[in-house]
């Protein structure tokens, strides 16, 4: 998301960030399944740990320089 873009008609402005670090994540998934003639049961659990998450759409408010 290190781009520069401006669309005044839609009030959209993307400002590049030269200090942007790559996004990293570690994810784990664990699942259990049990079946019997009368019942079927499935359970799953998920865990994600993000570092340097890149939020691609953030409202920063009005730009005081460009008013």
N, C-alpha and C. Protein backbone atom coordinates (compact mmCIF):
# COMPACT_ATOMS: atom_id res chain seq x y z
N UNK A 1 0.82 -1.19 0.00
CA UNK A 1 0.00 0.00 0.00
C UNK A 1 0.86 1.25 0.00
N UNK A 2 2.03 1.18 -0.58
CA UNK A 2 2.93 2.33 -0.63
C UNK A 2 2.74 3.05 -1.96
N UNK A 3 1.57 3.72 -2.11
CA UNK A 3 1.22 4.38 -3.36
C UNK A 3 0.87 5.84 -3.09
N UNK A 4 0.79 6.59 -4.14
CA UNK A 4 0.31 7.97 -4.06
C UNK A 4 -0.84 8.14 -5.02
N UNK A 5 -1.96 8.67 -4.55
CA UNK A 5 -3.17 8.79 -5.37
C UNK A 5 -4.02 9.92 -4.83
N UNK A 6 -4.65 10.66 -5.74
CA UNK A 6 -5.57 11.71 -5.31
C UNK A 6 -6.75 11.78 -6.26
N UNK A 7 -7.97 11.66 -5.71
CA UNK A 7 -9.22 11.76 -6.46
C UNK A 7 -10.12 12.77 -5.75
N UNK A 8 -9.97 14.07 -6.05
CA UNK A 8 -10.75 15.09 -5.34
C UNK A 8 -12.26 14.93 -5.51
N UNK A 9 -12.70 14.39 -6.64
CA UNK A 9 -14.13 14.21 -6.88
C UNK A 9 -14.76 13.29 -5.83
N UNK A 10 -14.02 12.29 -5.36
CA UNK A 10 -14.51 11.35 -4.36
C UNK A 10 -13.94 11.60 -2.97
N UNK A 11 -13.22 12.70 -2.81
CA UNK A 11 -12.59 13.06 -1.54
C UNK A 11 -11.68 11.93 -1.04
N UNK A 12 -10.84 11.41 -1.95
CA UNK A 12 -9.93 10.31 -1.65
C UNK A 12 -8.50 10.77 -1.90
N UNK A 13 -7.64 10.46 -0.94
CA UNK A 13 -6.23 10.79 -1.09
C UNK A 13 -5.40 9.71 -0.39
N UNK A 14 -4.49 9.12 -1.12
CA UNK A 14 -3.57 8.12 -0.57
C UNK A 14 -2.17 8.71 -0.58
N UNK A 15 -1.53 8.71 0.57
CA UNK A 15 -0.21 9.31 0.72
C UNK A 15 0.81 8.19 0.94
N UNK A 16 1.90 8.18 0.17
CA UNK A 16 2.90 7.13 0.36
C UNK A 16 3.60 7.25 1.71
N UNK A 17 4.03 6.12 2.23
CA UNK A 17 4.73 6.07 3.50
C UNK A 17 6.09 5.40 3.30
N UNK A 18 7.17 6.17 3.25
CA UNK A 18 8.48 5.57 3.00
C UNK A 18 8.98 4.72 4.16
N UNK A 19 8.40 4.86 5.35
CA UNK A 19 8.82 4.08 6.51
C UNK A 19 8.01 2.79 6.67
N UNK A 20 7.20 2.45 5.67
CA UNK A 20 6.34 1.28 5.75
C UNK A 20 7.17 0.00 5.80
N UNK A 21 6.85 -0.86 6.77
CA UNK A 21 7.53 -2.15 6.92
C UNK A 21 6.63 -3.25 6.38
N UNK A 22 7.20 -4.38 5.94
CA UNK A 22 6.36 -5.47 5.45
C UNK A 22 5.48 -6.03 6.56
N UNK A 23 4.27 -6.37 6.19
CA UNK A 23 3.33 -6.99 7.12
C UNK A 23 3.74 -8.45 7.34
N UNK A 24 3.66 -8.91 8.57
CA UNK A 24 3.98 -10.30 8.90
C UNK A 24 2.87 -10.88 9.76
N UNK A 25 2.61 -12.16 9.58
CA UNK A 25 1.61 -12.81 10.42
C UNK A 25 1.97 -14.27 10.63
N UNK A 26 1.57 -14.78 11.78
CA UNK A 26 1.67 -16.20 12.10
C UNK A 26 0.26 -16.67 12.41
N UNK A 27 -0.15 -17.72 11.76
CA UNK A 27 -1.50 -18.23 11.98
C UNK A 27 -1.48 -19.71 12.28
N UNK A 28 -2.39 -20.12 13.15
CA UNK A 28 -2.52 -21.51 13.53
C UNK A 28 -3.99 -21.90 13.47
N UNK A 29 -4.25 -23.12 13.07
CA UNK A 29 -5.60 -23.65 13.02
C UNK A 29 -5.60 -25.05 13.62
N UNK A 30 -6.58 -25.32 14.46
CA UNK A 30 -6.72 -26.63 15.09
C UNK A 30 -8.16 -27.09 14.91
N UNK A 31 -8.33 -28.30 14.45
CA UNK A 31 -9.68 -28.81 14.23
C UNK A 31 -9.85 -30.21 14.76
N UNK A 32 -11.07 -30.51 15.20
CA UNK A 32 -11.43 -31.83 15.70
C UNK A 32 -12.75 -32.23 15.06
N UNK A 33 -12.83 -33.48 14.63
CA UNK A 33 -14.06 -33.97 14.02
C UNK A 33 -14.41 -35.32 14.65
N UNK A 34 -15.69 -35.50 15.01
CA UNK A 34 -16.15 -36.76 15.61
C UNK A 34 -17.46 -37.16 14.93
N UNK A 35 -17.52 -38.41 14.54
CA UNK A 35 -18.71 -38.93 13.88
C UNK A 35 -19.19 -40.20 14.58
N UNK A 36 -20.51 -40.32 14.70
CA UNK A 36 -21.15 -41.56 15.16
C UNK A 36 -22.36 -41.79 14.26
N UNK A 37 -22.99 -42.92 14.36
CA UNK A 37 -24.17 -43.16 13.52
C UNK A 37 -25.29 -42.14 13.74
N UNK A 38 -25.39 -41.56 14.93
CA UNK A 38 -26.49 -40.65 15.23
C UNK A 38 -26.08 -39.18 15.28
N UNK A 39 -24.77 -38.89 15.33
CA UNK A 39 -24.34 -37.50 15.57
C UNK A 39 -23.00 -37.24 14.90
N UNK A 40 -22.87 -36.03 14.41
CA UNK A 40 -21.60 -35.58 13.83
C UNK A 40 -21.23 -34.26 14.49
N UNK A 41 -19.99 -34.15 14.93
CA UNK A 41 -19.55 -32.95 15.64
C UNK A 41 -18.22 -32.47 15.05
N UNK A 42 -18.13 -31.17 14.78
CA UNK A 42 -16.90 -30.57 14.27
C UNK A 42 -16.62 -29.30 15.05
N UNK A 43 -15.38 -29.11 15.46
CA UNK A 43 -14.96 -27.89 16.17
C UNK A 43 -13.63 -27.41 15.59
N UNK A 44 -13.49 -26.11 15.44
CA UNK A 44 -12.26 -25.52 14.92
C UNK A 44 -11.89 -24.30 15.73
N UNK A 45 -10.59 -24.08 15.86
CA UNK A 45 -10.09 -22.88 16.54
C UNK A 45 -9.00 -22.25 15.68
N UNK A 46 -8.96 -20.94 15.67
CA UNK A 46 -8.01 -20.18 14.86
C UNK A 46 -7.30 -19.16 15.73
N UNK A 47 -6.04 -18.91 15.41
CA UNK A 47 -5.27 -17.87 16.09
C UNK A 47 -4.37 -17.20 15.06
N UNK A 48 -4.40 -15.87 15.00
CA UNK A 48 -3.53 -15.10 14.10
C UNK A 48 -2.83 -14.02 14.90
N UNK A 49 -1.55 -13.87 14.66
CA UNK A 49 -0.74 -12.84 15.32
C UNK A 49 -0.10 -11.99 14.23
N UNK A 50 -0.48 -10.70 14.17
CA UNK A 50 0.01 -9.80 13.13
C UNK A 50 1.07 -8.87 13.69
N UNK A 51 2.07 -8.59 12.87
CA UNK A 51 3.09 -7.59 13.18
C UNK A 51 3.16 -6.62 12.01
N UNK A 52 3.23 -5.34 12.31
CA UNK A 52 3.29 -4.29 11.28
C UNK A 52 2.10 -4.41 10.32
N UNK A 53 0.91 -4.58 10.89
CA UNK A 53 -0.31 -4.71 10.08
C UNK A 53 -0.49 -3.45 9.24
N UNK A 54 -0.78 -3.62 7.97
CA UNK A 54 -0.97 -2.50 7.05
C UNK A 54 -2.46 -2.25 6.89
N UNK A 55 -2.94 -1.18 7.47
CA UNK A 55 -4.34 -0.78 7.34
C UNK A 55 -4.46 0.02 6.05
N UNK A 56 -5.22 -0.48 5.10
CA UNK A 56 -5.27 0.15 3.78
C UNK A 56 -6.29 1.28 3.69
N UNK A 57 -7.17 1.43 4.68
CA UNK A 57 -8.18 2.48 4.63
C UNK A 57 -8.36 3.07 6.02
N UNK A 58 -7.77 4.23 6.26
CA UNK A 58 -7.83 4.87 7.56
C UNK A 58 -8.29 6.31 7.37
N UNK A 59 -9.24 6.74 8.16
CA UNK A 59 -9.69 8.12 8.12
C UNK A 59 -8.81 8.95 9.05
N UNK A 60 -7.99 9.81 8.46
CA UNK A 60 -7.08 10.65 9.24
C UNK A 60 -7.65 12.03 9.51
N UNK A 61 -8.86 12.30 9.03
CA UNK A 61 -9.46 13.61 9.22
C UNK A 61 -9.06 14.56 8.11
N UNK A 62 -9.40 15.81 8.29
CA UNK A 62 -9.11 16.83 7.27
C UNK A 62 -7.62 17.18 7.29
N UNK A 63 -7.07 17.40 6.10
CA UNK A 63 -5.68 17.81 5.96
C UNK A 63 -5.62 19.33 6.16
N UNK A 64 -5.00 19.80 7.23
CA UNK A 64 -4.99 21.24 7.50
C UNK A 64 -4.22 22.05 6.45
N UNK A 65 -3.30 21.44 5.75
CA UNK A 65 -2.51 22.15 4.75
C UNK A 65 -3.30 22.33 3.46
N UNK A 66 -4.16 21.38 3.12
CA UNK A 66 -4.87 21.41 1.84
C UNK A 66 -6.29 21.97 1.93
N UNK A 67 -6.70 22.56 3.02
CA UNK A 67 -8.07 23.08 3.18
C UNK A 67 -8.39 24.14 2.20
